[in-house]
């Protein structure tokens, strides 16, 4: 066969670029949509025109418009791409249905409230899948997703590098927690007379709080550091002191709340974001389904509970919106 005489063929990539150009109306717009170059778009369209034996676009028009041949190809291109998309979705579902095990890693702030519900959701969708869930601090959770010890992570930190699907679950402010009745009048001045109970700076939350205190020029005397929120809050009660934490941490140790006041920070605020993280392209649409489940759990269980326990800060826990 004479290779030079071979007729160009219609390809899925060619049809995708054709649709991108038809919908954006410009070569530059189509290149931006597909993540390619303008010259690559032009070359692909020229090859398509050779394949069908007719011009597909009037490129002198602004925006470019379809010729009669282009209008005919448009109907076929949209139908073909739709069928391919449906096939890919069904194949992904078949692959997930055969998934033997799914490993979850969830920050310990959410372990009791989120993990059981999320595991139940996964098992309902994938009844043959063994679900293994672990909890820990955010840096350990991220280490698990980076080393492939976890397939899905819920964390307040993000992994380094590209190749991850990052979906927001919630945001929460850092709040001031003090022994009940210990803070009166000028809050910032009152804190200077009380014992500061700090999270250990070996923890991500401890490091973040320490950085923020330096930014707002607060330098409380440090006498000790603790790791577990329960220990931190117990020490606040015992010393009639104060600390900085988040709503999720408070809910994880809510038995101490009757002995505590929860207040907004008396200086510039700081917000923590929690995300669901998965490696791109490995779990089909499962991450999108799971993040919606996580948001629903937070909205129906955690938000009302925190608003009841700390009415002065009602609305502090903000759930990310589901995309339409």
C-alpha atoms as a PDB file:
ATOM      1  CA  UNK A   1       0.000   0.000   0.000  1.00  0.00           C
ATOM      2  CA  UNK A   2       1.201   3.535  -0.772  1.00  0.00           C
ATOM      3  CA  UNK A   3       1.289   5.323   2.622  1.00  0.00           C
ATOM      4  CA  UNK A   4       1.407   8.747   0.955  1.00  0.00           C
ATOM      5  CA  UNK A   5      -1.987   8.096  -0.635  1.00  0.00           C
ATOM      6  CA  UNK A   6      -3.631   7.053   2.661  1.00  0.00           C
ATOM      7  CA  UNK A   7      -6.758   9.120   3.359  1.00  0.00           C
ATOM      8  CA  UNK A   8      -6.916  10.819   6.792  1.00  0.00           C
ATOM      9  CA  UNK A   9      -9.444   9.196   9.133  1.00  0.00           C
ATOM     10  CA  UNK A  10     -11.993  10.520  11.543  1.00  0.00           C
ATOM     11  CA  UNK A  11     -10.742  10.140  15.119  1.00  0.00           C
ATOM     12  CA  UNK A  12     -12.322  10.745  18.524  1.00  0.00           C
ATOM     13  CA  UNK A  13      -9.725  13.405  19.264  1.00  0.00           C
ATOM     14  CA  UNK A  14     -10.514  15.054  15.952  1.00  0.00           C
ATOM     15  CA  UNK A  15     -14.230  15.077  16.729  1.00  0.00           C
ATOM     16  CA  UNK A  16     -13.594  16.508  20.204  1.00  0.00           C
ATOM     17  CA  UNK A  17     -11.524  19.327  18.726  1.00  0.00           C
ATOM     18  CA  UNK A  18     -14.196  19.899  16.056  1.00  0.00           C
ATOM     19  CA  UNK A  19     -16.859  20.286  18.766  1.00  0.00           C
ATOM     20  CA  UNK A  20     -14.588  22.551  20.823  1.00  0.00           C
ATOM     21  CA  UNK A  21     -14.065  24.846  17.849  1.00  0.00           C
ATOM     22  CA  UNK A  22     -17.761  24.794  16.957  1.00  0.00           C
ATOM     23  CA  UNK A  23     -18.766  25.682  20.532  1.00  0.00           C
ATOM     24  CA  UNK A  24     -16.092  28.304  21.284  1.00  0.00           C
ATOM     25  CA  UNK A  25     -16.074  29.942  17.857  1.00  0.00           C
ATOM     26  CA  UNK A  26     -12.304  30.457  17.757  1.00  0.00           C
ATOM     27  CA  UNK A  27      -9.146  28.419  17.321  1.00  0.00           C
ATOM     28  CA  UNK A  28      -7.635  29.981  20.442  1.00  0.00           C
ATOM     29  CA  UNK A  29     -10.776  29.181  22.460  1.00  0.00           C
ATOM     30  CA  UNK A  30     -10.781  25.581  21.256  1.00  0.00           C
ATOM     31  CA  UNK A  31      -7.081  25.207  22.125  1.00  0.00           C
ATOM     32  CA  UNK A  32      -7.716  26.532  25.638  1.00  0.00           C
ATOM     33  CA  UNK A  33     -10.593  24.092  26.150  1.00  0.00           C
ATOM     34  CA  UNK A  34      -8.637  20.997  25.111  1.00  0.00           C
ATOM     35  CA  UNK A  35      -5.376  22.114  26.700  1.00  0.00           C
ATOM     36  CA  UNK A  36      -3.534  22.173  23.370  1.00  0.00           C
ATOM     37  CA  UNK A  37      -2.087  24.684  20.937  1.00  0.00           C
ATOM     38  CA  UNK A  38      -3.797  26.807  18.287  1.00  0.00           C
ATOM     39  CA  UNK A  39      -1.593  25.276  15.574  1.00  0.00           C
ATOM     40  CA  UNK A  40      -2.583  21.796  16.744  1.00  0.00           C
ATOM     41  CA  UNK A  41      -6.277  22.689  16.482  1.00  0.00           C
ATOM     42  CA  UNK A  42      -5.783  24.052  12.965  1.00  0.00           C
ATOM     43  CA  UNK A  43      -3.884  20.958  11.843  1.00  0.00           C
ATOM     44  CA  UNK A  44      -6.536  18.629  13.268  1.00  0.00           C
ATOM     45  CA  UNK A  45      -9.358  20.522  11.553  1.00  0.00           C
ATOM     46  CA  UNK A  46      -7.451  20.442   8.262  1.00  0.00           C
ATOM     47  CA  UNK A  47      -7.041  16.660   8.618  1.00  0.00           C
ATOM     48  CA  UNK A  48     -10.792  16.314   9.332  1.00  0.00           C
ATOM     49  CA  UNK A  49     -11.584  18.332   6.213  1.00  0.00           C
ATOM     50  CA  UNK A  50      -9.363  16.051   4.167  1.00  0.00           C
ATOM     51  CA  UNK A  51     -11.108  13.021   5.709  1.00  0.00           C
ATOM     52  CA  UNK A  52     -14.613  14.228   4.784  1.00  0.00           C
ATOM     53  CA  UNK A  53     -13.564  15.896   1.536  1.00  0.00           C
ATOM     54  CA  UNK A  54     -15.140  19.266   2.320  1.00  0.00           C
ATOM     55  CA  UNK A  55     -14.531  22.444   4.274  1.00  0.00           C
ATOM     56  CA  UNK A  56     -16.133  22.325   7.732  1.00  0.00           C
ATOM     57  CA  UNK A  57     -15.721  25.932   8.904  1.00  0.00           C
ATOM     58  CA  UNK A  58     -15.777  29.384   7.411  1.00  0.00           C
ATOM     59  CA  UNK A  59     -12.659  30.618   9.182  1.00  0.00           C
ATOM     60  CA  UNK A  60     -12.975  34.161   7.844  1.00  0.00           C
ATOM     61  CA  UNK A  61     -16.107  34.674   9.939  1.00  0.00           C
ATOM     62  CA  UNK A  62     -15.761  35.987  13.489  1.00  0.00           C
ATOM     63  CA  UNK A  63     -16.643  33.796  15.276  1.00  0.00           C
ATOM     64  CA  UNK A  64     -15.943  30.954  12.864  1.00  0.00           C
ATOM     65  CA  UNK A  65     -19.122  29.376  11.542  1.00  0.00           C
ATOM     66  CA  UNK A  66     -20.011  25.936  10.233  1.00  0.00           C
ATOM     67  CA  UNK A  67     -20.365  25.231   6.534  1.00  0.00           C
ATOM     68  CA  UNK A  68     -23.176  22.897   5.375  1.00  0.00           C
ATOM     69  CA  UNK A  69     -20.737  19.973   5.620  1.00  0.00           C
ATOM     70  CA  UNK A  70     -19.777  21.127   9.111  1.00  0.00           C
ATOM     71  CA  UNK A  71     -23.422  21.256  10.169  1.00  0.00           C
ATOM     72  CA  UNK A  72     -23.883  17.675   9.008  1.00  0.00           C
ATOM     73  CA  UNK A  73     -20.761  16.500  10.841  1.00  0.00           C
ATOM     74  CA  UNK A  74     -21.892  18.371  13.951  1.00  0.00           C
ATOM     75  CA  UNK A  75     -24.940  16.097  14.354  1.00  0.00           C
ATOM     76  CA  UNK A  76     -22.842  12.951  14.025  1.00  0.00           C
ATOM     77  CA  UNK A  77     -19.990  14.253  16.222  1.00  0.00           C
ATOM     78  CA  UNK A  78     -22.239  15.074  19.176  1.00  0.00           C
ATOM     79  CA  UNK A  79     -24.009  11.707  18.923  1.00  0.00           C
ATOM     80  CA  UNK A  80     -20.718   9.766  18.663  1.00  0.00           C
ATOM     81  CA  UNK A  81     -19.113  11.582  21.598  1.00  0.00           C
ATOM     82  CA  UNK A  82     -22.222  11.096  23.706  1.00  0.00           C
ATOM     83  CA  UNK A  83     -22.193   7.330  23.061  1.00  0.00           C
ATOM     84  CA  UNK A  84     -18.458   7.138  23.867  1.00  0.00           C
ATOM     85  CA  UNK A  85     -19.025   9.044  27.121  1.00  0.00           C
ATOM     86  CA  UNK A  86     -21.812   6.659  28.132  1.00  0.00           C
ATOM     87  CA  UNK A  87     -19.600   3.672  27.348  1.00  0.00           C
ATOM     88  CA  UNK A  88     -16.752   5.080  29.456  1.00  0.00           C
ATOM     89  CA  UNK A  89     -19.110   5.677  32.383  1.00  0.00           C
ATOM     90  CA  UNK A  90     -20.519   2.137  32.207  1.00  0.00           C
ATOM     91  CA  UNK A  91     -17.046   0.607  31.961  1.00  0.00           C
ATOM     92  CA  UNK A  92     -15.901   2.646  34.984  1.00  0.00           C
ATOM     93  CA  UNK A  93     -18.913   1.407  36.950  1.00  0.00           C
ATOM     94  CA  UNK A  94     -18.129  -2.203  36.022  1.00  0.00           C
ATOM     95  CA  UNK A  95     -14.523  -1.683  37.125  1.00  0.00           C
ATOM     96  CA  UNK A  96     -15.616  -0.164  40.457  1.00  0.00           C
ATOM     97  CA  UNK A  97     -18.128  -2.938  41.073  1.00  0.00           C
ATOM     98  CA  UNK A  98     -15.241  -5.398  40.949  1.00  0.00           C
ATOM     99  CA  UNK A  99     -13.060  -3.303  43.275  1.00  0.00           C
ATOM    100  CA  UNK A 100     -11.804  -5.771  45.931  1.00  0.00           C
ATOM    101  CA  UNK A 101     -10.757  -3.216  48.575  1.00  0.00           C
ATOM    102  CA  UNK A 102     -10.978   0.514  49.212  1.00  0.00           C
ATOM    103  CA  UNK A 103      -8.641   2.161  51.716  1.00  0.00           C
ATOM    104  CA  UNK A 104      -9.830   5.328  53.465  1.00  0.00           C
ATOM    105  CA  UNK A 105      -7.736   7.689  55.603  1.00  0.00           C
ATOM    106  CA  UNK A 106      -9.647  10.318  57.592  1.00  0.00           C
ATOM    107  CA  UNK A 107      -8.433  13.012  59.982  1.00  0.00           C
ATOM    108  CA  UNK A 108      -9.124  12.039  63.560  1.00  0.00           C
ATOM    109  CA  UNK A 109     -11.247  15.182  64.090  1.00  0.00           C
ATOM    110  CA  UNK A 110     -13.897  13.472  61.945  1.00  0.00           C
ATOM    111  CA  UNK A 111     -13.251   9.859  62.871  1.00  0.00           C
ATOM    112  CA  UNK A 112     -16.253   9.229  65.122  1.00  0.00           C
ATOM    113  CA  UNK A 113     -18.718  11.434  63.252  1.00  0.00           C
ATOM    114  CA  UNK A 114     -17.824  10.747  59.618  1.00  0.00           C
ATOM    115  CA  UNK A 115     -16.014   7.413  59.290  1.00  0.00           C
ATOM    116  CA  UNK A 116     -18.848   4.988  60.193  1.00  0.00           C
ATOM    117  CA  UNK A 117     -21.346   6.773  57.948  1.00  0.00           C
ATOM    118  CA  UNK A 118     -18.884   6.975  55.048  1.00  0.00           C
ATOM    119  CA  UNK A 119     -17.940   3.285  55.340  1.00  0.00           C
ATOM    120  CA  UNK A 120     -21.638   2.372  55.273  1.00  0.00           C
ATOM    121  CA  UNK A 121     -22.128   4.487  52.152  1.00  0.00           C
ATOM    122  CA  UNK A 122     -19.246   2.792  50.341  1.00  0.00           C
ATOM    123  CA  UNK A 123     -20.501  -0.671  51.240  1.00  0.00           C
ATOM    124  CA  UNK A 124     -23.991   0.191  50.016  1.00  0.00           C
ATOM    125  CA  UNK A 125     -22.583   1.213  46.638  1.00  0.00           C
ATOM    126  CA  UNK A 126     -19.908  -1.483  46.413  1.00  0.00           C
ATOM    127  CA  UNK A 127     -21.280  -4.480  48.351  1.00  0.00           C
ATOM    128  CA  UNK A 128     -18.399  -6.767  47.330  1.00  0.00           C
ATOM    129  CA  UNK A 129     -15.732  -4.264  48.320  1.00  0.00           C
ATOM    130  CA  UNK A 130     -13.805  -4.617  51.600  1.00  0.00           C
ATOM    131  CA  UNK A 131     -13.477  -1.164  53.188  1.00  0.00           C
ATOM    132  CA  UNK A 132     -10.464  -0.433  55.378  1.00  0.00           C
ATOM    133  CA  UNK A 133     -10.528   2.888  57.241  1.00  0.00           C
ATOM    134  CA  UNK A 134      -7.866   4.483  59.404  1.00  0.00           C
ATOM    135  CA  UNK A 135      -7.753   7.825  61.176  1.00  0.00           C
ATOM    136  CA  UNK A 136      -4.906  10.111  62.146  1.00  0.00           C
ATOM    137  CA  UNK A 137      -3.555  13.622  61.997  1.00  0.00           C
ATOM    138  CA  UNK A 138      -3.618  15.451  58.661  1.00  0.00           C
ATOM    139  CA  UNK A 139       0.064  14.994  57.774  1.00  0.00           C
ATOM    140  CA  UNK A 140      -0.185  11.231  58.358  1.00  0.00           C
ATOM    141  CA  UNK A 141      -3.368  11.066  56.264  1.00  0.00           C
ATOM    142  CA  UNK A 142      -1.601  12.879  53.407  1.00  0.00           C
ATOM    143  CA  UNK A 143       1.377  10.533  53.699  1.00  0.00           C
ATOM    144  CA  UNK A 144      -1.008   7.605  53.196  1.00  0.00           C
ATOM    145  CA  UNK A 145      -2.502   9.020  49.986  1.00  0.00           C
ATOM    146  CA  UNK A 146       0.962   9.905  48.642  1.00  0.00           C
ATOM    147  CA  UNK A 147       2.362   6.433  49.354  1.00  0.00           C
ATOM    148  CA  UNK A 148      -0.793   4.744  47.991  1.00  0.00           C
ATOM    149  CA  UNK A 149      -1.640   3.283  51.400  1.00  0.00           C
ATOM    150  CA  UNK A 150      -4.976   5.088  51.001  1.00  0.00           C
ATOM    151  CA  UNK A 151      -7.194   5.446  47.940  1.00  0.00           C
ATOM    152  CA  UNK A 152      -9.343   8.245  49.396  1.00  0.00           C
ATOM    153  CA  UNK A 153      -8.298  10.740  52.069  1.00  0.00           C
ATOM    154  CA  UNK A 154     -10.125  13.361  54.101  1.00  0.00           C
ATOM    155  CA  UNK A 155      -7.638  15.949  55.322  1.00  0.00           C
ATOM    156  CA  UNK A 156      -7.031  19.582  56.258  1.00  0.00           C
ATOM    157  CA  UNK A 157      -3.701  19.440  54.381  1.00  0.00           C
ATOM    158  CA  UNK A 158      -3.149  18.909  50.659  1.00  0.00           C
ATOM    159  CA  UNK A 159      -0.681  16.575  48.925  1.00  0.00           C
ATOM    160  CA  UNK A 160       2.357  17.869  47.084  1.00  0.00           C
ATOM    161  CA  UNK A 161       2.394  17.762  43.319  1.00  0.00           C
ATOM    162  CA  UNK A 162      -0.223  17.210  40.641  1.00  0.00           C
ATOM    163  CA  UNK A 163      -2.351  14.186  39.788  1.00  0.00           C
ATOM    164  CA  UNK A 164      -4.871  14.467  42.612  1.00  0.00           C
ATOM    165  CA  UNK A 165      -8.584  15.156  42.609  1.00  0.00           C
ATOM    166  CA  UNK A 166      -9.249  17.645  45.432  1.00  0.00           C
ATOM    167  CA  UNK A 167     -12.883  18.217  46.412  1.00  0.00           C
ATOM    168  CA  UNK A 168     -13.884  20.630  49.216  1.00  0.00           C
ATOM    169  CA  UNK A 169     -16.012  19.343  52.101  1.00  0.00           C
ATOM    170  CA  UNK A 170     -16.146  22.168  54.640  1.00  0.00           C
ATOM    171  CA  UNK A 171     -14.450  25.233  56.088  1.00  0.00           C
ATOM    172  CA  UNK A 172     -14.228  26.218  59.737  1.00  0.00           C
ATOM    173  CA  UNK A 173     -12.718  29.130  61.653  1.00  0.00           C
ATOM    174  CA  UNK A 174     -10.262  28.815  64.481  1.00  0.00           C
ATOM    175  CA  UNK A 175     -11.992  29.817  67.711  1.00  0.00           C
ATOM    176  CA  UNK A 176     -11.039  30.896  71.204  1.00  0.00           C
ATOM    177  CA  UNK A 177     -11.845  28.448  74.009  1.00  0.00           C
ATOM    178  CA  UNK A 178     -11.521  29.503  77.647  1.00  0.00           C
ATOM    179  CA  UNK A 179     -12.584  28.208  81.029  1.00  0.00           C
ATOM    180  CA  UNK A 180     -16.166  29.293  81.663  1.00  0.00           C
ATOM    181  CA  UNK A 181     -16.289  32.843  83.007  1.00  0.00           C
ATOM    182  CA  UNK A 182     -12.520  33.309  82.866  1.00  0.00           C
ATOM    183  CA  UNK A 183     -12.578  35.885  80.061  1.00  0.00           C
ATOM    184  CA  UNK A 184     -14.379  39.147  80.769  1.00  0.00           C
ATOM    185  CA  UNK A 185     -14.009  42.735  79.589  1.00  0.00           C
ATOM    186  CA  UNK A 186     -11.153  43.324  77.175  1.00  0.00           C
ATOM    187  CA  UNK A 187     -10.661  39.804  75.805  1.00  0.00           C
ATOM    188  CA  UNK A 188      -7.111  40.229  74.575  1.00  0.00           C
ATOM    189  CA  UNK A 189      -6.012  41.806  77.846  1.00  0.00           C
ATOM    190  CA  UNK A 190      -7.756  39.054  79.830  1.00  0.00           C
ATOM    191  CA  UNK A 191      -5.889  36.358  77.894  1.00  0.00           C
ATOM    192  CA  UNK A 192      -2.588  37.841  78.988  1.00  0.00           C
ATOM    193  CA  UNK A 193      -3.423  36.976  82.595  1.00  0.00           C
ATOM    194  CA  UNK A 194      -4.486  33.376  81.894  1.00  0.00           C
ATOM    195  CA  UNK A 195      -2.556  30.163  81.206  1.00  0.00           C
ATOM    196  CA  UNK A 196      -2.209  29.372  77.515  1.00  0.00           C
ATOM    197  CA  UNK A 197      -2.676  25.665  76.733  1.00  0.00           C
ATOM    198  CA  UNK A 198      -1.065  24.921  73.400  1.00  0.00           C
ATOM    199  CA  UNK A 199      -1.220  22.079  70.928  1.00  0.00           C
ATOM    200  CA  UNK A 200       2.151  20.479  70.361  1.00  0.00           C
ATOM    201  CA  UNK A 201       4.006  22.030  67.444  1.00  0.00           C
ATOM    202  CA  UNK A 202       4.781  18.527  66.210  1.00  0.00           C
ATOM    203  CA  UNK A 203       1.160  18.591  64.981  1.00  0.00           C
ATOM    204  CA  UNK A 204      -0.002  20.506  61.878  1.00  0.00           C
ATOM    205  CA  UNK A 205      -2.667  22.296  63.942  1.00  0.00           C
ATOM    206  CA  UNK A 206      -0.097  23.272  66.576  1.00  0.00           C
ATOM    207  CA  UNK A 207       2.243  24.651  63.926  1.00  0.00           C
ATOM    208  CA  UNK A 208      -0.549  26.605  62.294  1.00  0.00           C
ATOM    209  CA  UNK A 209      -1.777  28.149  65.558  1.00  0.00           C
ATOM    210  CA  UNK A 210       1.786  29.121  66.524  1.00  0.00           C
ATOM    211  CA  UNK A 211       2.317  30.833  63.155  1.00  0.00           C
ATOM    212  CA  UNK A 212      -0.950  32.704  63.469  1.00  0.00           C
ATOM    213  CA  UNK A 213      -0.170  33.933  66.979  1.00  0.00           C
ATOM    214  CA  UNK A 214       3.128  35.321  65.687  1.00  0.00           C
ATOM    215  CA  UNK A 215       1.306  37.074  62.834  1.00  0.00           C
ATOM    216  CA  UNK A 216      -1.067  38.841  65.235  1.00  0.00           C
ATOM    217  CA  UNK A 217       1.816  39.624  67.620  1.00  0.00           C
ATOM    218  CA  UNK A 218       0.526  37.459  70.458  1.00  0.00           C
ATOM    219  CA  UNK A 219       3.248  35.814  72.499  1.00  0.00           C
ATOM    220  CA  UNK A 220       1.627  33.986  75.422  1.00  0.00           C
ATOM    221  CA  UNK A 221       3.893  32.249  77.906  1.00  0.00           C
ATOM    222  CA  UNK A 222       4.265  28.574  77.026  1.00  0.00           C
ATOM    223  CA  UNK A 223       4.525  26.124  79.900  1.00  0.00           C
ATOM    224  CA  UNK A 224       3.546  22.842  78.239  1.00  0.00           C
ATOM    225  CA  UNK A 225       2.175  21.368  75.007  1.00  0.00           C
ATOM    226  CA  UNK A 226      -0.321  18.553  74.464  1.00  0.00           C
ATOM    227  CA  UNK A 227      -1.316  16.541  71.407  1.00  0.00           C
ATOM    228  CA  UNK A 228      -4.880  15.293  71.925  1.00  0.00           C
ATOM    229  CA  UNK A 229      -7.736  17.809  71.879  1.00  0.00           C
ATOM    230  CA  UNK A 230      -9.285  16.065  74.877  1.00  0.00           C
ATOM    231  CA  UNK A 231      -6.088  16.680  76.848  1.00  0.00           C
ATOM    232  CA  UNK A 232      -5.889  20.297  75.702  1.00  0.00           C
ATOM    233  CA  UNK A 233      -9.464  21.060  76.752  1.00  0.00           C
ATOM    234  CA  UNK A 234      -9.123  19.164  80.030  1.00  0.00           C
ATOM    235  CA  UNK A 235      -6.058  21.284  80.837  1.00  0.00           C
ATOM    236  CA  UNK A 236      -7.943  24.480  79.941  1.00  0.00           C
ATOM    237  CA  UNK A 237     -10.591  23.498  82.483  1.00  0.00           C
ATOM    238  CA  UNK A 238      -8.024  22.504  85.110  1.00  0.00           C
ATOM    239  CA  UNK A 239      -5.880  25.650  84.795  1.00  0.00           C
ATOM    240  CA  UNK A 240      -8.798  27.996  84.050  1.00  0.00           C
ATOM    241  CA  UNK A 241      -6.809  28.943  80.987  1.00  0.00           C
ATOM    242  CA  UNK A 242      -7.415  29.257  77.249  1.00  0.00           C
ATOM    243  CA  UNK A 243      -6.515  27.748  73.911  1.00  0.00           C
ATOM    244  CA  UNK A 244      -7.256  28.051  70.199  1.00  0.00           C
ATOM    245  CA  UNK A 245      -8.904  25.201  68.314  1.00  0.00           C
ATOM    246  CA  UNK A 246     -11.592  24.504  65.692  1.00  0.00           C
ATOM    247  CA  UNK A 247     -15.264  23.472  65.807  1.00  0.00           C
ATOM    248  CA  UNK A 248     -14.462  19.938  64.620  1.00  0.00           C
ATOM    249  CA  UNK A 249     -11.966  19.483  67.441  1.00  0.00           C
ATOM    250  CA  UNK A 250     -14.521  20.770  69.930  1.00  0.00           C
ATOM    251  CA  UNK A 251     -17.107  18.277  68.711  1.00  0.00           C
ATOM    252  CA  UNK A 252     -14.547  15.520  69.128  1.00  0.00           C
ATOM    253  CA  UNK A 253     -14.261  16.444  72.826  1.00  0.00           C
ATOM    254  CA  UNK A 254     -17.664  17.944  73.521  1.00  0.00           C
ATOM    255  CA  UNK A 255     -17.988  16.502  77.032  1.00  0.00           C
ATOM    256  CA  UNK A 256     -15.825  19.420  78.228  1.00  0.00           C
ATOM    257  CA  UNK A 257     -17.981  22.120  76.606  1.00  0.00           C
ATOM    258  CA  UNK A 258     -20.288  22.741  79.603  1.00  0.00           C
ATOM    259  CA  UNK A 259     -17.181  23.968  81.454  1.00  0.00           C
ATOM    260  CA  UNK A 260     -15.938  26.156  78.599  1.00  0.00           C
ATOM    261  CA  UNK A 261     -16.767  29.363  76.763  1.00  0.00           C
ATOM    262  CA  UNK A 262     -16.383  29.276  72.977  1.00  0.00           C
ATOM    263  CA  UNK A 263     -15.722  32.720  71.504  1.00  0.00           C
ATOM    264  CA  UNK A 264     -14.527  34.279  68.260  1.00  0.00           C
ATOM    265  CA  UNK A 265     -10.843  35.187  68.170  1.00  0.00           C
ATOM    266  CA  UNK A 266     -10.162  38.707  69.489  1.00  0.00           C
ATOM    267  CA  UNK A 267      -7.751  39.333  66.608  1.00  0.00           C
ATOM    268  CA  UNK A 268      -7.515  38.521  62.903  1.00  0.00           C
ATOM    269  CA  UNK A 269      -9.143  35.196  62.128  1.00  0.00           C
ATOM    270  CA  UNK A 270      -7.863  32.026  60.491  1.00  0.00           C
ATOM    271  CA  UNK A 271      -9.852  29.445  58.533  1.00  0.00           C
ATOM    272  CA  UNK A 272      -9.199  25.752  58.031  1.00  0.00           C
ATOM    273  CA  UNK A 273     -10.469  23.847  54.975  1.00  0.00           C
ATOM    274  CA  UNK A 274     -11.133  20.112  54.850  1.00  0.00           C
ATOM    275  CA  UNK A 275     -11.055  18.264  51.513  1.00  0.00           C
ATOM    276  CA  UNK A 276     -11.658  14.829  50.085  1.00  0.00           C
ATOM    277  CA  UNK A 277      -8.631  13.742  48.064  1.00  0.00           C
ATOM    278  CA  UNK A 278      -8.203  10.925  45.539  1.00  0.00           C
ATOM    279  CA  UNK A 279      -5.783  10.172  42.733  1.00  0.00           C
ATOM    280  CA  UNK A 280      -7.094  11.363  39.388  1.00  0.00           C
ATOM    281  CA  UNK A 281      -8.601   8.854  37.011  1.00  0.00           C
ATOM    282  CA  UNK A 282      -8.512   5.796  39.297  1.00  0.00           C
ATOM    283  CA  UNK A 283     -11.958   5.646  40.924  1.00  0.00           C
ATOM    284  CA  UNK A 284     -14.319   6.925  38.239  1.00  0.00           C
ATOM    285  CA  UNK A 285     -17.063   9.094  39.730  1.00  0.00           C
ATOM    286  CA  UNK A 286     -16.750   7.547  43.200  1.00  0.00           C
ATOM    287  CA  UNK A 287     -14.900  10.564  44.706  1.00  0.00           C
ATOM    288  CA  UNK A 288     -17.688  12.915  43.569  1.00  0.00           C
ATOM    289  CA  UNK A 289     -20.298  10.629  45.123  1.00  0.00           C
ATOM    290  CA  UNK A 290     -18.360  10.295  48.374  1.00  0.00           C
ATOM    291  CA  UNK A 291     -17.770  14.026  48.768  1.00  0.00           C
ATOM    292  CA  UNK A 292     -21.505  14.631  48.438  1.00  0.00           C
ATOM    293  CA  UNK A 293     -22.048  12.045  51.172  1.00  0.00           C
ATOM    294  CA  UNK A 294     -19.456  13.753  53.376  1.00  0.00           C
ATOM    295  CA  UNK A 295     -21.091  17.150  52.877  1.00  0.00           C
ATOM    296  CA  UNK A 296     -24.520  15.722  53.703  1.00  0.00           C
ATOM    297  CA  UNK A 297     -23.200  14.113  56.894  1.00  0.00           C
ATOM    298  CA  UNK A 298     -21.576  17.367  58.005  1.00  0.00           C
ATOM    299  CA  UNK A 299     -24.673  19.425  57.149  1.00  0.00           C
ATOM    300  CA  UNK A 300     -27.188  17.150  58.884  1.00  0.00           C
ATOM    301  CA  UNK A 301     -25.163  16.007  61.889  1.00  0.00           C
ATOM    302  CA  UNK A 302     -22.204  18.227  62.703  1.00  0.00           C
ATOM    303  CA  UNK A 303     -23.491  21.709  61.858  1.00  0.00           C
ATOM    304  CA  UNK A 304     -26.694  21.474  63.980  1.00  0.00           C
ATOM    305  CA  UNK A 305     -24.734  19.921  66.856  1.00  0.00           C
ATOM    306  CA  UNK A 306     -22.106  22.661  66.903  1.00  0.00           C
ATOM    307  CA  UNK A 307     -24.708  25.434  66.543  1.00  0.00           C
ATOM    308  CA  UNK A 308     -26.508  24.016  69.596  1.00  0.00           C
ATOM    309  CA  UNK A 309     -23.347  23.703  71.679  1.00  0.00           C
ATOM    310  CA  UNK A 310     -21.907  27.106  70.696  1.00  0.00           C
ATOM    311  CA  UNK A 311     -24.849  29.354  69.709  1.00  0.00           C
ATOM    312  CA  UNK A 312     -22.658  32.469  69.747  1.00  0.00           C
ATOM    313  CA  UNK A 313     -20.785  30.967  66.777  1.00  0.00           C
ATOM    314  CA  UNK A 314     -23.747  29.423  64.950  1.00  0.00           C
ATOM    315  CA  UNK A 315     -22.980  29.111  61.258  1.00  0.00           C
ATOM    316  CA  UNK A 316     -19.220  28.855  61.804  1.00  0.00           C
ATOM    317  CA  UNK A 317     -19.061  25.426  60.168  1.00  0.00           C
ATOM    318  CA  UNK A 318     -19.654  26.025  56.457  1.00  0.00           C
ATOM    319  CA  UNK A 319     -20.354  23.093  54.123  1.00  0.00           C
ATOM    320  CA  UNK A 320     -19.077  23.332  50.550  1.00  0.00           C
ATOM    321  CA  UNK A 321     -21.845  23.515  47.958  1.00  0.00           C
ATOM    322  CA  UNK A 322     -22.521  20.588  45.625  1.00  0.00           C
ATOM    323  CA  UNK A 323     -22.007  21.502  41.994  1.00  0.00           C
ATOM    324  CA  UNK A 324     -25.040  21.199  39.766  1.00  0.00           C
END
